[in-house]
């Protein structure tokens, strides 16, 4: 099994550490917001999504729950796949939709509710 080399990167508007690495042919950026209260997961997800909107990258979000409010906000701009890692951890892999992702209003980074 090949070990993945991750490097920390700076993402504009993020408050959590982000990591960049390659997985096969894919360039990935990743952050972990498990244990963080709203609005931290949403703010960091939107910062990461803004970065990948015009790049050939995917965003991986590790969180304590599925971000349903985020899904509604990005539905026409990104696709996502979910993998439940444990009862308390979920991994969501976001991919930009070409020609649409860069038109999302990334300034809306607050949680509703």
C-alpha atoms as a PDB file:
ATOM      1  CA  UNK A   1       0.000   0.000   0.000  1.00  0.00           C
ATOM      2  CA  UNK A   2       1.370   3.418  -0.971  1.00  0.00           C
ATOM      3  CA  UNK A   3       1.670   5.970   1.799  1.00  0.00           C
ATOM      4  CA  UNK A   4       0.055   9.331   1.028  1.00  0.00           C
ATOM      5  CA  UNK A   5       2.169  12.404   1.708  1.00  0.00           C
ATOM      6  CA  UNK A   6      -0.005  15.250   2.994  1.00  0.00           C
ATOM      7  CA  UNK A   7       1.113  18.855   3.154  1.00  0.00           C
ATOM      8  CA  UNK A   8      -0.648  21.609   5.076  1.00  0.00           C
ATOM      9  CA  UNK A   9      -1.945  24.494   2.958  1.00  0.00           C
ATOM     10  CA  UNK A  10      -3.496  27.881   3.637  1.00  0.00           C
ATOM     11  CA  UNK A  11      -7.088  28.377   2.473  1.00  0.00           C
ATOM     12  CA  UNK A  12      -8.557  31.894   2.419  1.00  0.00           C
ATOM     13  CA  UNK A  13     -11.407  32.175   4.933  1.00  0.00           C
ATOM     14  CA  UNK A  14     -10.628  28.886   6.711  1.00  0.00           C
ATOM     15  CA  UNK A  15     -10.175  28.567  10.461  1.00  0.00           C
ATOM     16  CA  UNK A  16      -9.171  24.874  10.481  1.00  0.00           C
ATOM     17  CA  UNK A  17      -6.061  23.230   9.021  1.00  0.00           C
ATOM     18  CA  UNK A  18      -6.352  22.009   5.436  1.00  0.00           C
ATOM     19  CA  UNK A  19      -4.187  19.328   3.854  1.00  0.00           C
ATOM     20  CA  UNK A  20      -3.293  18.800   0.200  1.00  0.00           C
ATOM     21  CA  UNK A  21      -2.298  15.471  -1.342  1.00  0.00           C
ATOM     22  CA  UNK A  22      -2.703  13.254  -4.378  1.00  0.00           C
ATOM     23  CA  UNK A  23      -4.738  10.046  -4.384  1.00  0.00           C
ATOM     24  CA  UNK A  24      -4.115   8.314  -7.687  1.00  0.00           C
ATOM     25  CA  UNK A  25      -4.968  10.845 -10.384  1.00  0.00           C
ATOM     26  CA  UNK A  26      -6.953  13.082  -8.010  1.00  0.00           C
ATOM     27  CA  UNK A  27      -5.665  16.224  -6.304  1.00  0.00           C
ATOM     28  CA  UNK A  28      -7.358  16.415  -2.897  1.00  0.00           C
ATOM     29  CA  UNK A  29      -7.742  19.059  -0.218  1.00  0.00           C
ATOM     30  CA  UNK A  30      -9.081  17.882   3.128  1.00  0.00           C
ATOM     31  CA  UNK A  31     -10.131  19.208   6.507  1.00  0.00           C
ATOM     32  CA  UNK A  32     -11.558  17.672   9.676  1.00  0.00           C
ATOM     33  CA  UNK A  33     -14.313  19.535  11.523  1.00  0.00           C
ATOM     34  CA  UNK A  34     -15.327  16.707  13.897  1.00  0.00           C
ATOM     35  CA  UNK A  35     -16.146  18.136  17.291  1.00  0.00           C
ATOM     36  CA  UNK A  36     -16.581  21.677  15.952  1.00  0.00           C
ATOM     37  CA  UNK A  37     -19.791  23.600  16.586  1.00  0.00           C
ATOM     38  CA  UNK A  38     -21.725  25.559  13.990  1.00  0.00           C
ATOM     39  CA  UNK A  39     -20.707  27.658  12.084  1.00  0.00           C
ATOM     40  CA  UNK A  40     -17.124  26.274  11.903  1.00  0.00           C
ATOM     41  CA  UNK A  41     -17.883  23.257   9.615  1.00  0.00           C
ATOM     42  CA  UNK A  42     -19.955  25.387   7.190  1.00  0.00           C
ATOM     43  CA  UNK A  43     -17.415  28.211   7.064  1.00  0.00           C
ATOM     44  CA  UNK A  44     -14.537  25.855   6.339  1.00  0.00           C
ATOM     45  CA  UNK A  45     -16.518  23.807   3.815  1.00  0.00           C
ATOM     46  CA  UNK A  46     -17.425  26.966   1.891  1.00  0.00           C
ATOM     47  CA  UNK A  47     -13.788  28.129   1.963  1.00  0.00           C
ATOM     48  CA  UNK A  48     -12.650  24.770   0.578  1.00  0.00           C
ATOM     49  CA  UNK A  49     -15.412  24.660  -2.029  1.00  0.00           C
ATOM     50  CA  UNK A  50     -14.490  28.146  -3.214  1.00  0.00           C
ATOM     51  CA  UNK A  51     -10.913  26.959  -3.778  1.00  0.00           C
ATOM     52  CA  UNK A  52     -11.866  23.854  -5.776  1.00  0.00           C
ATOM     53  CA  UNK A  53     -14.582  25.617  -7.821  1.00  0.00           C
ATOM     54  CA  UNK A  54     -12.067  26.610 -10.507  1.00  0.00           C
ATOM     55  CA  UNK A  55      -9.369  23.966  -9.964  1.00  0.00           C
ATOM     56  CA  UNK A  56      -9.049  20.306 -10.754  1.00  0.00           C
ATOM     57  CA  UNK A  57      -9.283  19.291  -7.106  1.00  0.00           C
ATOM     58  CA  UNK A  58     -11.725  17.492  -4.838  1.00  0.00           C
ATOM     59  CA  UNK A  59     -12.601  18.505  -1.286  1.00  0.00           C
ATOM     60  CA  UNK A  60     -12.869  15.969   1.525  1.00  0.00           C
ATOM     61  CA  UNK A  61     -14.732  17.050   4.639  1.00  0.00           C
ATOM     62  CA  UNK A  62     -14.518  14.838   7.724  1.00  0.00           C
ATOM     63  CA  UNK A  63     -17.338  15.780  10.078  1.00  0.00           C
ATOM     64  CA  UNK A  64     -19.400  14.401  12.940  1.00  0.00           C
ATOM     65  CA  UNK A  65     -22.586  14.398  10.840  1.00  0.00           C
ATOM     66  CA  UNK A  66     -23.751  14.935   7.275  1.00  0.00           C
ATOM     67  CA  UNK A  67     -23.972  18.667   6.468  1.00  0.00           C
ATOM     68  CA  UNK A  68     -27.563  18.677   5.153  1.00  0.00           C
ATOM     69  CA  UNK A  69     -27.775  22.491   5.102  1.00  0.00           C
ATOM     70  CA  UNK A  70     -24.636  22.646   2.989  1.00  0.00           C
ATOM     71  CA  UNK A  71     -26.049  20.166   0.479  1.00  0.00           C
ATOM     72  CA  UNK A  72     -29.050  22.409  -0.167  1.00  0.00           C
ATOM     73  CA  UNK A  73     -26.810  25.423  -0.709  1.00  0.00           C
ATOM     74  CA  UNK A  74     -24.466  23.767  -3.226  1.00  0.00           C
ATOM     75  CA  UNK A  75     -26.842  21.325  -4.974  1.00  0.00           C
ATOM     76  CA  UNK A  76     -26.531  22.758  -8.504  1.00  0.00           C
ATOM     77  CA  UNK A  77     -22.809  23.526  -8.268  1.00  0.00           C
ATOM     78  CA  UNK A  78     -21.094  20.459  -6.747  1.00  0.00           C
ATOM     79  CA  UNK A  79     -21.655  16.722  -6.495  1.00  0.00           C
ATOM     80  CA  UNK A  80     -20.820  14.737  -3.376  1.00  0.00           C
ATOM     81  CA  UNK A  81     -20.371  11.205  -2.130  1.00  0.00           C
ATOM     82  CA  UNK A  82     -20.746  10.172   1.509  1.00  0.00           C
ATOM     83  CA  UNK A  83     -18.963   7.447   3.420  1.00  0.00           C
ATOM     84  CA  UNK A  84     -19.819   6.722   7.058  1.00  0.00           C
ATOM     85  CA  UNK A  85     -16.488   6.093   8.791  1.00  0.00           C
ATOM     86  CA  UNK A  86     -18.026   5.383  12.212  1.00  0.00           C
ATOM     87  CA  UNK A  87     -21.096   6.322  14.253  1.00  0.00           C
ATOM     88  CA  UNK A  88     -19.487   9.726  14.955  1.00  0.00           C
ATOM     89  CA  UNK A  89     -17.589  10.402  11.710  1.00  0.00           C
ATOM     90  CA  UNK A  90     -18.637  10.891   8.122  1.00  0.00           C
ATOM     91  CA  UNK A  91     -16.481  11.639   5.076  1.00  0.00           C
ATOM     92  CA  UNK A  92     -17.982  13.745   2.300  1.00  0.00           C
ATOM     93  CA  UNK A  93     -16.119  14.040  -1.013  1.00  0.00           C
ATOM     94  CA  UNK A  94     -17.122  17.102  -3.049  1.00  0.00           C
ATOM     95  CA  UNK A  95     -16.454  17.528  -6.775  1.00  0.00           C
ATOM     96  CA  UNK A  96     -17.161  20.759  -8.685  1.00  0.00           C
ATOM     97  CA  UNK A  97     -19.592  20.735 -11.597  1.00  0.00           C
ATOM     98  CA  UNK A  98     -17.745  22.309 -14.536  1.00  0.00           C
ATOM     99  CA  UNK A  99     -19.287  25.591 -15.658  1.00  0.00           C
ATOM    100  CA  UNK A 100     -21.472  25.859 -12.552  1.00  0.00           C
ATOM    101  CA  UNK A 101     -19.323  25.618  -9.420  1.00  0.00           C
ATOM    102  CA  UNK A 102     -17.699  29.019  -9.883  1.00  0.00           C
ATOM    103  CA  UNK A 103     -21.130  30.721  -9.982  1.00  0.00           C
ATOM    104  CA  UNK A 104     -22.013  29.828  -6.368  1.00  0.00           C
ATOM    105  CA  UNK A 105     -22.234  32.719  -3.878  1.00  0.00           C
ATOM    106  CA  UNK A 106     -19.387  31.738  -1.549  1.00  0.00           C
ATOM    107  CA  UNK A 107     -20.005  34.706   0.767  1.00  0.00           C
ATOM    108  CA  UNK A 108     -22.937  32.863   2.392  1.00  0.00           C
ATOM    109  CA  UNK A 109     -20.961  30.918   5.032  1.00  0.00           C
ATOM    110  CA  UNK A 110     -23.349  30.970   7.979  1.00  0.00           C
ATOM    111  CA  UNK A 111     -25.508  28.132   9.296  1.00  0.00           C
ATOM    112  CA  UNK A 112     -29.264  28.380   9.150  1.00  0.00           C
ATOM    113  CA  UNK A 113     -31.291  27.405  12.172  1.00  0.00           C
END
